[in-house]
């Protein structure tokens, strides 16, 4: 898949809200420490916009999408 040269973010992270603490306190700081621009629902989604639209916009605006696949994520689908 070709990279989007004008992407606003390096990576969009999709995760279960049950994993919010791990994503927010462990994963995101490490990605940012690696100088990556990170897109998450907590920091980047527009208020009042349906979640599905926000997710579509995040995927489109990011060079990569990172799925945090845990048991909680599977149950939430």
C-alpha atoms as a PDB file:
ATOM      1  CA  UNK A   1       0.000   0.000   0.000  1.00  0.00           C
ATOM      2  CA  UNK A   2       1.543   3.346  -0.983  1.00  0.00           C
ATOM      3  CA  UNK A   3       2.244   5.790   1.809  1.00  0.00           C
ATOM      4  CA  UNK A   4       0.371   9.070   1.862  1.00  0.00           C
ATOM      5  CA  UNK A   5       3.078  11.754   1.636  1.00  0.00           C
ATOM      6  CA  UNK A   6       0.841  14.420   3.145  1.00  0.00           C
ATOM      7  CA  UNK A   7      -0.461  12.334   6.051  1.00  0.00           C
ATOM      8  CA  UNK A   8      -1.204  14.355   9.173  1.00  0.00           C
ATOM      9  CA  UNK A   9      -0.215  11.421  11.402  1.00  0.00           C
ATOM     10  CA  UNK A  10       2.307   8.612  11.280  1.00  0.00           C
ATOM     11  CA  UNK A  11       0.004   6.144  13.009  1.00  0.00           C
ATOM     12  CA  UNK A  12      -3.636   5.820  14.038  1.00  0.00           C
ATOM     13  CA  UNK A  13      -4.205   3.473  16.980  1.00  0.00           C
ATOM     14  CA  UNK A  14      -7.430   1.471  17.143  1.00  0.00           C
ATOM     15  CA  UNK A  15      -8.065  -0.181  20.493  1.00  0.00           C
ATOM     16  CA  UNK A  16     -10.740  -1.242  22.950  1.00  0.00           C
ATOM     17  CA  UNK A  17     -11.540   1.353  25.592  1.00  0.00           C
ATOM     18  CA  UNK A  18     -10.900  -1.417  28.122  1.00  0.00           C
ATOM     19  CA  UNK A  19      -7.242  -1.058  27.077  1.00  0.00           C
ATOM     20  CA  UNK A  20      -7.273   2.728  27.317  1.00  0.00           C
ATOM     21  CA  UNK A  21      -4.879   2.938  30.280  1.00  0.00           C
ATOM     22  CA  UNK A  22      -2.237   0.728  28.633  1.00  0.00           C
ATOM     23  CA  UNK A  23      -2.550   2.541  25.309  1.00  0.00           C
ATOM     24  CA  UNK A  24      -2.491   6.016  26.874  1.00  0.00           C
ATOM     25  CA  UNK A  25       0.143   5.448  29.530  1.00  0.00           C
ATOM     26  CA  UNK A  26       2.457   2.885  27.889  1.00  0.00           C
ATOM     27  CA  UNK A  27       2.068   2.669  24.104  1.00  0.00           C
ATOM     28  CA  UNK A  28       1.457   6.286  23.075  1.00  0.00           C
ATOM     29  CA  UNK A  29       4.356   7.752  25.106  1.00  0.00           C
ATOM     30  CA  UNK A  30       6.761   5.255  23.525  1.00  0.00           C
ATOM     31  CA  UNK A  31       5.564   6.029  20.008  1.00  0.00           C
ATOM     32  CA  UNK A  32       5.839   9.756  20.647  1.00  0.00           C
ATOM     33  CA  UNK A  33       9.315   9.259  22.122  1.00  0.00           C
ATOM     34  CA  UNK A  34      10.212   7.709  18.751  1.00  0.00           C
ATOM     35  CA  UNK A  35       9.121  11.036  17.186  1.00  0.00           C
ATOM     36  CA  UNK A  36       5.936   9.646  15.633  1.00  0.00           C
ATOM     37  CA  UNK A  37       2.792  11.742  15.249  1.00  0.00           C
ATOM     38  CA  UNK A  38       0.102   9.611  16.903  1.00  0.00           C
ATOM     39  CA  UNK A  39      -3.640   9.740  16.297  1.00  0.00           C
ATOM     40  CA  UNK A  40      -5.992   8.330  18.937  1.00  0.00           C
ATOM     41  CA  UNK A  41      -9.650   8.879  19.659  1.00  0.00           C
ATOM     42  CA  UNK A  42      -8.766  10.600  22.949  1.00  0.00           C
ATOM     43  CA  UNK A  43      -6.554  13.223  21.340  1.00  0.00           C
ATOM     44  CA  UNK A  44      -7.646  13.570  17.734  1.00  0.00           C
ATOM     45  CA  UNK A  45     -11.336  12.826  17.222  1.00  0.00           C
ATOM     46  CA  UNK A  46     -13.806  15.643  16.633  1.00  0.00           C
ATOM     47  CA  UNK A  47     -16.545  16.017  19.242  1.00  0.00           C
ATOM     48  CA  UNK A  48     -20.035  15.558  17.839  1.00  0.00           C
ATOM     49  CA  UNK A  49     -18.869  13.560  14.818  1.00  0.00           C
ATOM     50  CA  UNK A  50     -19.999   9.914  14.677  1.00  0.00           C
ATOM     51  CA  UNK A  51     -17.267   7.472  15.744  1.00  0.00           C
ATOM     52  CA  UNK A  52     -17.267   5.654  12.419  1.00  0.00           C
ATOM     53  CA  UNK A  53     -16.660   8.901  10.528  1.00  0.00           C
ATOM     54  CA  UNK A  54     -13.902   9.894  12.967  1.00  0.00           C
ATOM     55  CA  UNK A  55     -12.257   6.484  12.503  1.00  0.00           C
ATOM     56  CA  UNK A  56     -12.463   6.733   8.716  1.00  0.00           C
ATOM     57  CA  UNK A  57     -10.921  10.208   8.824  1.00  0.00           C
ATOM     58  CA  UNK A  58      -8.156   8.990  11.156  1.00  0.00           C
ATOM     59  CA  UNK A  59      -7.251   6.065   8.895  1.00  0.00           C
ATOM     60  CA  UNK A  60      -7.217   8.352   5.854  1.00  0.00           C
ATOM     61  CA  UNK A  61      -5.075  10.973   7.626  1.00  0.00           C
ATOM     62  CA  UNK A  62      -2.512   8.428   8.891  1.00  0.00           C
ATOM     63  CA  UNK A  63       0.359   6.679   7.135  1.00  0.00           C
ATOM     64  CA  UNK A  64      -0.283   3.503   9.163  1.00  0.00           C
ATOM     65  CA  UNK A  65      -3.011   1.974  11.343  1.00  0.00           C
ATOM     66  CA  UNK A  66      -2.057   0.030  14.463  1.00  0.00           C
ATOM     67  CA  UNK A  67      -4.659  -2.375  15.829  1.00  0.00           C
ATOM     68  CA  UNK A  68      -4.237  -3.256  19.487  1.00  0.00           C
ATOM     69  CA  UNK A  69      -5.777  -6.706  19.344  1.00  0.00           C
ATOM     70  CA  UNK A  70      -6.593  -7.931  22.821  1.00  0.00           C
ATOM     71  CA  UNK A  71      -9.354 -10.084  24.234  1.00  0.00           C
ATOM     72  CA  UNK A  72     -11.199  -6.898  25.158  1.00  0.00           C
ATOM     73  CA  UNK A  73     -10.948  -5.655  21.545  1.00  0.00           C
ATOM     74  CA  UNK A  74     -12.379  -8.931  20.207  1.00  0.00           C
ATOM     75  CA  UNK A  75     -15.274  -8.784  22.690  1.00  0.00           C
ATOM     76  CA  UNK A  76     -16.025  -5.171  21.737  1.00  0.00           C
ATOM     77  CA  UNK A  77     -16.421  -6.007  18.050  1.00  0.00           C
END
